[in-house]
C-alpha atoms as a PDB file:
ATOM      1  CA  UNK A   1      18.834  17.662   5.759  1.00  0.00           C
ATOM      2  CA  UNK A   2      17.987  19.494   8.735  1.00  0.00           C
ATOM      3  CA  UNK A   3      15.623  18.342  11.423  1.00  0.00           C
ATOM      4  CA  UNK A   4      12.716  19.676  12.867  1.00  0.00           C
ATOM      5  CA  UNK A   5      13.535  19.149  16.896  1.00  0.00           C
ATOM      6  CA  UNK A   6       9.644  18.779  17.292  1.00  0.00           C
ATOM      7  CA  UNK A   7       9.201  16.354  14.199  1.00  0.00           C
ATOM      8  CA  UNK A   8       8.102  12.891  15.734  1.00  0.00           C
ATOM      9  CA  UNK A   9       8.952  10.316  12.445  1.00  0.00           C
ATOM     10  CA  UNK A  10      11.651  11.670  10.162  1.00  0.00           C
ATOM     11  CA  UNK A  11      10.240   8.992   7.554  1.00  0.00           C
ATOM     12  CA  UNK A  12       6.822   7.868   6.785  1.00  0.00           C
ATOM     13  CA  UNK A  13       6.097   5.095   4.378  1.00  0.00           C
ATOM     14  CA  UNK A  14       2.990   4.863   2.393  1.00  0.00           C
ATOM     15  CA  UNK A  15       1.134   1.811   1.111  1.00  0.00           C
ATOM     16  CA  UNK A  16       0.176   2.700  -1.943  1.00  0.00           C
ATOM     17  CA  UNK A  17      -3.299   0.914  -3.271  1.00  0.00           C
ATOM     18  CA  UNK A  18      -6.271   1.846  -1.114  1.00  0.00           C
ATOM     19  CA  UNK A  19      -3.937   4.526   1.187  1.00  0.00           C
ATOM     20  CA  UNK A  20      -2.875   7.090  -1.899  1.00  0.00           C
ATOM     21  CA  UNK A  21      -4.968   5.648  -4.817  1.00  0.00           C
ATOM     22  CA  UNK A  22      -8.471   4.917  -5.113  1.00  0.00           C
ATOM     23  CA  UNK A  23      -7.959   1.457  -6.793  1.00  0.00           C
ATOM     24  CA  UNK A  24      -9.138  -1.221  -3.960  1.00  0.00           C
ATOM     25  CA  UNK A  25     -12.829  -1.373  -6.384  1.00  0.00           C
ATOM     26  CA  UNK A  26     -10.806  -1.936  -9.421  1.00  0.00           C
ATOM     27  CA  UNK A  27      -8.338  -4.214  -8.295  1.00  0.00           C
ATOM     28  CA  UNK A  28     -10.886  -6.809  -6.533  1.00  0.00           C
ATOM     29  CA  UNK A  29     -12.524  -6.391 -10.274  1.00  0.00           C
ATOM     30  CA  UNK A  30      -9.840  -7.781 -12.251  1.00  0.00           C
ATOM     31  CA  UNK A  31      -9.194 -10.411  -9.428  1.00  0.00           C
ATOM     32  CA  UNK A  32     -12.787 -11.576 -10.019  1.00  0.00           C
ATOM     33  CA  UNK A  33     -12.182 -11.116 -14.141  1.00  0.00           C
ATOM     34  CA  UNK A  34      -8.977 -12.852 -13.832  1.00  0.00           C
ATOM     35  CA  UNK A  35     -10.803 -15.841 -11.976  1.00  0.00           C
ATOM     36  CA  UNK A  36     -13.861 -15.986 -14.433  1.00  0.00           C
ATOM     37  CA  UNK A  37     -11.228 -16.213 -17.739  1.00  0.00           C
ATOM     38  CA  UNK A  38      -9.607 -19.345 -16.087  1.00  0.00           C
ATOM     39  CA  UNK A  39     -13.208 -20.640 -15.651  1.00  0.00           C
ATOM     40  CA  UNK A  40     -12.692 -21.528 -11.662  1.00  0.00           C
ATOM     41  CA  UNK A  41     -14.611 -20.049  -8.835  1.00  0.00           C
ATOM     42  CA  UNK A  42     -14.543 -16.203  -8.420  1.00  0.00           C
ATOM     43  CA  UNK A  43     -14.111 -14.946  -5.121  1.00  0.00           C
ATOM     44  CA  UNK A  44     -16.764 -12.387  -3.482  1.00  0.00           C
ATOM     45  CA  UNK A  45     -15.791  -8.866  -3.727  1.00  0.00           C
ATOM     46  CA  UNK A  46     -14.945  -8.899   0.296  1.00  0.00           C
ATOM     47  CA  UNK A  47     -12.700 -11.851  -0.304  1.00  0.00           C
ATOM     48  CA  UNK A  48     -11.320 -10.426  -3.442  1.00  0.00           C
ATOM     49  CA  UNK A  49     -10.393  -6.973  -1.437  1.00  0.00           C
ATOM     50  CA  UNK A  50      -9.073  -8.720   1.324  1.00  0.00           C
ATOM     51  CA  UNK A  51      -5.780  -9.960  -0.775  1.00  0.00           C
ATOM     52  CA  UNK A  52      -5.008  -6.173  -1.774  1.00  0.00           C
ATOM     53  CA  UNK A  53      -1.590  -5.339   0.184  1.00  0.00           C
ATOM     54  CA  UNK A  54      -0.262  -8.755  -0.245  1.00  0.00           C
ATOM     55  CA  UNK A  55       2.479  -9.537  -3.506  1.00  0.00           C
ATOM     56  CA  UNK A  56       0.627 -10.614  -6.747  1.00  0.00           C
ATOM     57  CA  UNK A  57       1.783 -14.417  -5.925  1.00  0.00           C
ATOM     58  CA  UNK A  58       0.540 -14.561  -2.306  1.00  0.00           C
ATOM     59  CA  UNK A  59      -2.417 -12.592  -3.108  1.00  0.00           C
ATOM     60  CA  UNK A  60      -3.866 -14.733  -6.223  1.00  0.00           C
ATOM     61  CA  UNK A  61      -2.998 -18.002  -4.251  1.00  0.00           C
ATOM     62  CA  UNK A  62      -4.987 -16.579  -1.383  1.00  0.00           C
ATOM     63  CA  UNK A  63      -8.032 -15.620  -3.809  1.00  0.00           C
ATOM     64  CA  UNK A  64      -7.649 -18.697  -5.536  1.00  0.00           C
ATOM     65  CA  UNK A  65      -6.942 -21.136  -3.317  1.00  0.00           C
ATOM     66  CA  UNK A  66      -7.821 -24.495  -5.458  1.00  0.00           C
ATOM     67  CA  UNK A  67      -5.692 -23.737  -8.472  1.00  0.00           C
ATOM     68  CA  UNK A  68      -2.947 -25.630  -9.590  1.00  0.00           C
ATOM     69  CA  UNK A  69       0.451 -24.040  -9.234  1.00  0.00           C
ATOM     70  CA  UNK A  70       1.187 -24.528 -11.963  1.00  0.00           C
ATOM     71  CA  UNK A  71      -1.691 -22.096 -13.639  1.00  0.00           C
ATOM     72  CA  UNK A  72      -0.858 -19.573 -10.914  1.00  0.00           C
ATOM     73  CA  UNK A  73       1.135 -17.835 -13.668  1.00  0.00           C
ATOM     74  CA  UNK A  74      -1.760 -17.933 -16.081  1.00  0.00           C
ATOM     75  CA  UNK A  75      -3.891 -16.349 -13.427  1.00  0.00           C
ATOM     76  CA  UNK A  76      -1.119 -13.765 -12.979  1.00  0.00           C
ATOM     77  CA  UNK A  77      -1.381 -12.919 -16.872  1.00  0.00           C
ATOM     78  CA  UNK A  78      -5.088 -12.431 -16.818  1.00  0.00           C
ATOM     79  CA  UNK A  79      -5.255  -9.953 -13.548  1.00  0.00           C
ATOM     80  CA  UNK A  80      -2.444  -7.792 -15.429  1.00  0.00           C
ATOM     81  CA  UNK A  81      -4.078  -7.874 -18.541  1.00  0.00           C
ATOM     82  CA  UNK A  82      -7.147  -6.277 -16.779  1.00  0.00           C
ATOM     83  CA  UNK A  83      -5.718  -4.121 -14.314  1.00  0.00           C
ATOM     84  CA  UNK A  84      -3.390  -2.263 -17.408  1.00  0.00           C
ATOM     85  CA  UNK A  85      -6.215  -2.069 -19.373  1.00  0.00           C
ATOM     86  CA  UNK A  86      -8.393  -0.011 -17.129  1.00  0.00           C
ATOM     87  CA  UNK A  87      -5.637   1.396 -14.745  1.00  0.00           C
ATOM     88  CA  UNK A  88      -6.702   4.950 -16.334  1.00  0.00           C
ATOM     89  CA  UNK A  89      -9.547   4.782 -14.533  1.00  0.00           C
ATOM     90  CA  UNK A  90      -7.911   5.380 -11.375  1.00  0.00           C
ATOM     91  CA  UNK A  91      -7.609   8.337  -9.139  1.00  0.00           C
ATOM     92  CA  UNK A  92      -5.641   9.620  -6.390  1.00  0.00           C
ATOM     93  CA  UNK A  93      -8.097  10.065  -3.164  1.00  0.00           C
ATOM     94  CA  UNK A  94      -9.066  13.670  -2.967  1.00  0.00           C
ATOM     95  CA  UNK A  95      -6.583  15.654  -0.508  1.00  0.00           C
ATOM     96  CA  UNK A  96      -3.581  13.449  -1.482  1.00  0.00           C
ATOM     97  CA  UNK A  97      -1.371  15.625  -3.137  1.00  0.00           C
ATOM     98  CA  UNK A  98      -1.996  18.859  -0.539  1.00  0.00           C
ATOM     99  CA  UNK A  99      -0.858  16.242   2.073  1.00  0.00           C
ATOM    100  CA  UNK A 100       2.403  14.892   0.443  1.00  0.00           C
ATOM    101  CA  UNK A 101       3.610  18.334  -0.551  1.00  0.00           C
ATOM    102  CA  UNK A 102       2.778  19.516   3.202  1.00  0.00           C
ATOM    103  CA  UNK A 103       4.918  16.394   4.387  1.00  0.00           C
ATOM    104  CA  UNK A 104       7.864  17.407   2.247  1.00  0.00           C
ATOM    105  CA  UNK A 105       7.683  21.057   2.948  1.00  0.00           C
ATOM    106  CA  UNK A 106       8.540  19.691   6.621  1.00  0.00           C
ATOM    107  CA  UNK A 107      11.283  18.020   5.191  1.00  0.00           C
ATOM    108  CA  UNK A 108       9.926  14.106   6.096  1.00  0.00           C
ATOM    109  CA  UNK A 109      11.129  11.694   3.827  1.00  0.00           C
ATOM    110  CA  UNK A 110       8.541  10.069   1.807  1.00  0.00           C
ATOM    111  CA  UNK A 111       8.272   6.475   0.763  1.00  0.00           C
ATOM    112  CA  UNK A 112       6.269   3.636  -0.886  1.00  0.00           C
ATOM    113  CA  UNK A 113       5.474   0.313   0.762  1.00  0.00           C
ATOM    114  CA  UNK A 114       3.348  -1.509  -1.846  1.00  0.00           C
ATOM    115  CA  UNK A 115       2.475  -4.868  -2.975  1.00  0.00           C
ATOM    116  CA  UNK A 116       2.020  -3.352  -6.534  1.00  0.00           C
ATOM    117  CA  UNK A 117       4.550  -4.970  -8.861  1.00  0.00           C
ATOM    118  CA  UNK A 118       7.367  -2.386 -10.305  1.00  0.00           C
ATOM    119  CA  UNK A 119       5.563  -1.853 -13.726  1.00  0.00           C
ATOM    120  CA  UNK A 120       2.510  -0.834 -11.719  1.00  0.00           C
ATOM    121  CA  UNK A 121       3.709   1.150  -9.477  1.00  0.00           C
ATOM    122  CA  UNK A 122       6.219   3.220 -11.782  1.00  0.00           C
ATOM    123  CA  UNK A 123       3.501   3.698 -14.322  1.00  0.00           C
ATOM    124  CA  UNK A 124       0.845   4.696 -11.436  1.00  0.00           C
ATOM    125  CA  UNK A 125       3.695   7.395 -10.050  1.00  0.00           C
ATOM    126  CA  UNK A 126       3.918   9.041 -13.592  1.00  0.00           C
ATOM    127  CA  UNK A 127       0.510   8.729 -13.928  1.00  0.00           C
ATOM    128  CA  UNK A 128      -0.349  10.512 -11.256  1.00  0.00           C
ATOM    129  CA  UNK A 129       3.209  13.041 -10.992  1.00  0.00           C
ATOM    130  CA  UNK A 130       3.858  11.937  -7.665  1.00  0.00           C
ATOM    131  CA  UNK A 131       7.264  10.499  -8.638  1.00  0.00           C
ATOM    132  CA  UNK A 132       9.235  13.469  -7.375  1.00  0.00           C
ATOM    133  CA  UNK A 133       7.582  13.359  -3.838  1.00  0.00           C
ATOM    134  CA  UNK A 134       9.212  10.267  -3.057  1.00  0.00           C
ATOM    135  CA  UNK A 135      12.328   9.419  -1.865  1.00  0.00           C
ATOM    136  CA  UNK A 136      12.646   5.682  -2.141  1.00  0.00           C
ATOM    137  CA  UNK A 137      10.170   3.204  -2.950  1.00  0.00           C
ATOM    138  CA  UNK A 138       9.965  -0.372  -2.849  1.00  0.00           C
ATOM    139  CA  UNK A 139       7.589  -3.275  -4.589  1.00  0.00           C
ATOM    140  CA  UNK A 140       6.868  -6.416  -3.936  1.00  0.00           C
ATOM    141  CA  UNK A 141       8.653  -8.085  -6.872  1.00  0.00           C
ATOM    142  CA  UNK A 142      11.886  -6.641  -6.004  1.00  0.00           C
ATOM    143  CA  UNK A 143      11.974  -7.556  -2.088  1.00  0.00           C
ATOM    144  CA  UNK A 144       9.891  -9.651   0.114  1.00  0.00           C
ATOM    145  CA  UNK A 145       5.919  -9.211   0.375  1.00  0.00           C
ATOM    146  CA  UNK A 146       4.067  -8.045   3.123  1.00  0.00           C
ATOM    147  CA  UNK A 147       3.534  -8.606   6.458  1.00  0.00           C
ATOM    148  CA  UNK A 148       7.573  -9.575   5.976  1.00  0.00           C
ATOM    149  CA  UNK A 149       9.505  -6.451   7.430  1.00  0.00           C
ATOM    150  CA  UNK A 150      12.263  -6.846   4.569  1.00  0.00           C
ATOM    151  CA  UNK A 151      10.510  -4.024   2.533  1.00  0.00           C
ATOM    152  CA  UNK A 152       9.979  -1.570   5.429  1.00  0.00           C
ATOM    153  CA  UNK A 153      13.829  -2.601   6.923  1.00  0.00           C
ATOM    154  CA  UNK A 154      15.238  -1.916   3.396  1.00  0.00           C
ATOM    155  CA  UNK A 155      13.762   1.575   3.117  1.00  0.00           C
ATOM    156  CA  UNK A 156      14.690   2.699   6.071  1.00  0.00           C
ATOM    157  CA  UNK A 157      18.413   1.520   5.542  1.00  0.00           C
ATOM    158  CA  UNK A 158      18.472   3.256   2.132  1.00  0.00           C
ATOM    159  CA  UNK A 159      17.172   6.241   3.877  1.00  0.00           C
ATOM    160  CA  UNK A 160      18.847   6.107   6.808  1.00  0.00           C
ATOM    161  CA  UNK A 161      16.600   6.247   9.402  1.00  0.00           C
ATOM    162  CA  UNK A 162      16.032   3.751  12.494  1.00  0.00           C
ATOM    163  CA  UNK A 163      12.620   2.265  13.064  1.00  0.00           C
ATOM    164  CA  UNK A 164      11.622   4.960  15.715  1.00  0.00           C
ATOM    165  CA  UNK A 165      11.732   7.757  13.638  1.00  0.00           C
ATOM    166  CA  UNK A 166       9.959   5.680  11.062  1.00  0.00           C
ATOM    167  CA  UNK A 167       5.879   5.707  10.267  1.00  0.00           C
ATOM    168  CA  UNK A 168       4.260   3.683   8.257  1.00  0.00           C
ATOM    169  CA  UNK A 169       0.539   4.098   6.927  1.00  0.00           C
ATOM    170  CA  UNK A 170      -1.656   1.585   5.304  1.00  0.00           C
ATOM    171  CA  UNK A 171      -5.435   0.619   4.407  1.00  0.00           C
ATOM    172  CA  UNK A 172      -5.054  -2.671   5.813  1.00  0.00           C
ATOM    173  CA  UNK A 173      -3.836  -5.325   8.198  1.00  0.00           C
ATOM    174  CA  UNK A 174      -0.816  -6.847   6.220  1.00  0.00           C
ATOM    175  CA  UNK A 175       0.502  -3.078   6.242  1.00  0.00           C
ATOM    176  CA  UNK A 176      -0.092  -3.015   9.958  1.00  0.00           C
ATOM    177  CA  UNK A 177       1.782  -6.585  10.560  1.00  0.00           C
ATOM    178  CA  UNK A 178       4.392  -5.175   8.251  1.00  0.00           C
ATOM    179  CA  UNK A 179       4.807  -1.975  10.603  1.00  0.00           C
ATOM    180  CA  UNK A 180       4.897  -4.225  13.666  1.00  0.00           C
ATOM    181  CA  UNK A 181       7.245  -7.227  12.153  1.00  0.00           C
ATOM    182  CA  UNK A 182      10.084  -3.880  11.429  1.00  0.00           C
ATOM    183  CA  UNK A 183       9.104  -2.399  14.651  1.00  0.00           C
ATOM    184  CA  UNK A 184       7.864   0.658  13.754  1.00  0.00           C
ATOM    185  CA  UNK A 185       4.763   2.897  14.499  1.00  0.00           C
ATOM    186  CA  UNK A 186       1.826   2.492  12.355  1.00  0.00           C
ATOM    187  CA  UNK A 187      -1.224   4.435  11.357  1.00  0.00           C
ATOM    188  CA  UNK A 188      -4.415   3.133   9.689  1.00  0.00           C
ATOM    189  CA  UNK A 189      -7.054   4.633   7.087  1.00  0.00           C
ATOM    190  CA  UNK A 190     -10.356   2.964   7.018  1.00  0.00           C
ATOM    191  CA  UNK A 191     -11.313   3.916   3.394  1.00  0.00           C
ATOM    192  CA  UNK A 192      -9.381   1.012   1.425  1.00  0.00           C
ATOM    193  CA  UNK A 193      -9.571  -2.962   1.273  1.00  0.00           C
ATOM    194  CA  UNK A 194     -10.286  -3.995   5.012  1.00  0.00           C
ATOM    195  CA  UNK A 195     -12.598  -3.274   7.724  1.00  0.00           C
ATOM    196  CA  UNK A 196     -11.586  -0.746  10.036  1.00  0.00           C
ATOM    197  CA  UNK A 197     -12.682  -3.187  13.327  1.00  0.00           C
ATOM    198  CA  UNK A 198      -9.702  -5.447  12.380  1.00  0.00           C
ATOM    199  CA  UNK A 199      -7.152  -3.171  13.020  1.00  0.00           C
ATOM    200  CA  UNK A 200      -7.113  -2.554  16.729  1.00  0.00           C
ATOM    201  CA  UNK A 201      -5.234  -5.534  17.276  1.00  0.00           C
ATOM    202  CA  UNK A 202      -2.371  -4.492  15.655  1.00  0.00           C
ATOM    203  CA  UNK A 203      -1.622  -1.093  17.651  1.00  0.00           C
ATOM    204  CA  UNK A 204      -2.310   1.790  14.966  1.00  0.00           C
ATOM    205  CA  UNK A 205      -1.645   5.003  16.475  1.00  0.00           C
ATOM    206  CA  UNK A 206      -5.040   6.639  14.459  1.00  0.00           C
ATOM    207  CA  UNK A 207      -7.479   5.115  12.046  1.00  0.00           C
ATOM    208  CA  UNK A 208      -8.215   7.955   9.735  1.00  0.00           C
ATOM    209  CA  UNK A 209     -11.815   8.241   8.183  1.00  0.00           C
ATOM    210  CA  UNK A 210     -10.727  10.313   5.433  1.00  0.00           C
ATOM    211  CA  UNK A 211      -7.530  11.953   3.742  1.00  0.00           C
ATOM    212  CA  UNK A 212      -8.665  14.932   5.459  1.00  0.00           C
ATOM    213  CA  UNK A 213      -8.409  13.054   8.487  1.00  0.00           C
ATOM    214  CA  UNK A 214      -5.178  12.159   7.854  1.00  0.00           C
ATOM    215  CA  UNK A 215      -3.494  15.218   6.737  1.00  0.00           C
ATOM    216  CA  UNK A 216      -4.642  16.795  10.256  1.00  0.00           C
ATOM    217  CA  UNK A 217      -3.239  14.084  12.344  1.00  0.00           C
ATOM    218  CA  UNK A 218       0.010  14.232  10.531  1.00  0.00           C
ATOM    219  CA  UNK A 219       0.323  18.182  11.021  1.00  0.00           C
ATOM    220  CA  UNK A 220       0.008  17.912  14.579  1.00  0.00           C
ATOM    221  CA  UNK A 221       1.469  14.461  15.313  1.00  0.00           C
ATOM    222  CA  UNK A 222       3.979  13.496  13.237  1.00  0.00           C
END
């Protein structure tokens, strides 16, 4: 693959939920519904949103910390029941498809690094017709979850790109910590699960407040 001399990053890895897909509210509601099904304390929207980006087991453990360990699989089953029943409601953030197409036209390699499971990501990719745009994907059920660096390290190894030529983009501190741990640059978006005032300590190059802002920054700086 040819490389553009002025391009800073060869690989751009995206988180999925809250970064490309407008799914934060639905995921938080499904976590709350799963807790309600089990008759346990229902986390607030803020607390349910905070765990988005983690692998499902870690997310539920944080959202329902008092649940006996043997009941987490049951809670996970109830979460998946609610999520898959409603995933048809989810849409891409406006402007996402043109942004990704523009990056591909510049010969960037594109990847997804997500806390979703493989089934959920594959169905979301098929639904959004984005599967042809990504060169590699990793989900939390097939590698270490965020913020462990393994997910991003595996993507870099698969695509043959070093950390200094890789950019990670996400909407949570989990994404930014993942990038820090993997030694890559990072950009945050403020329209997902975490409040932007928590981002600065993780050294993002930029905080985008819309997909349009992200697209413009990538066109100039990536």
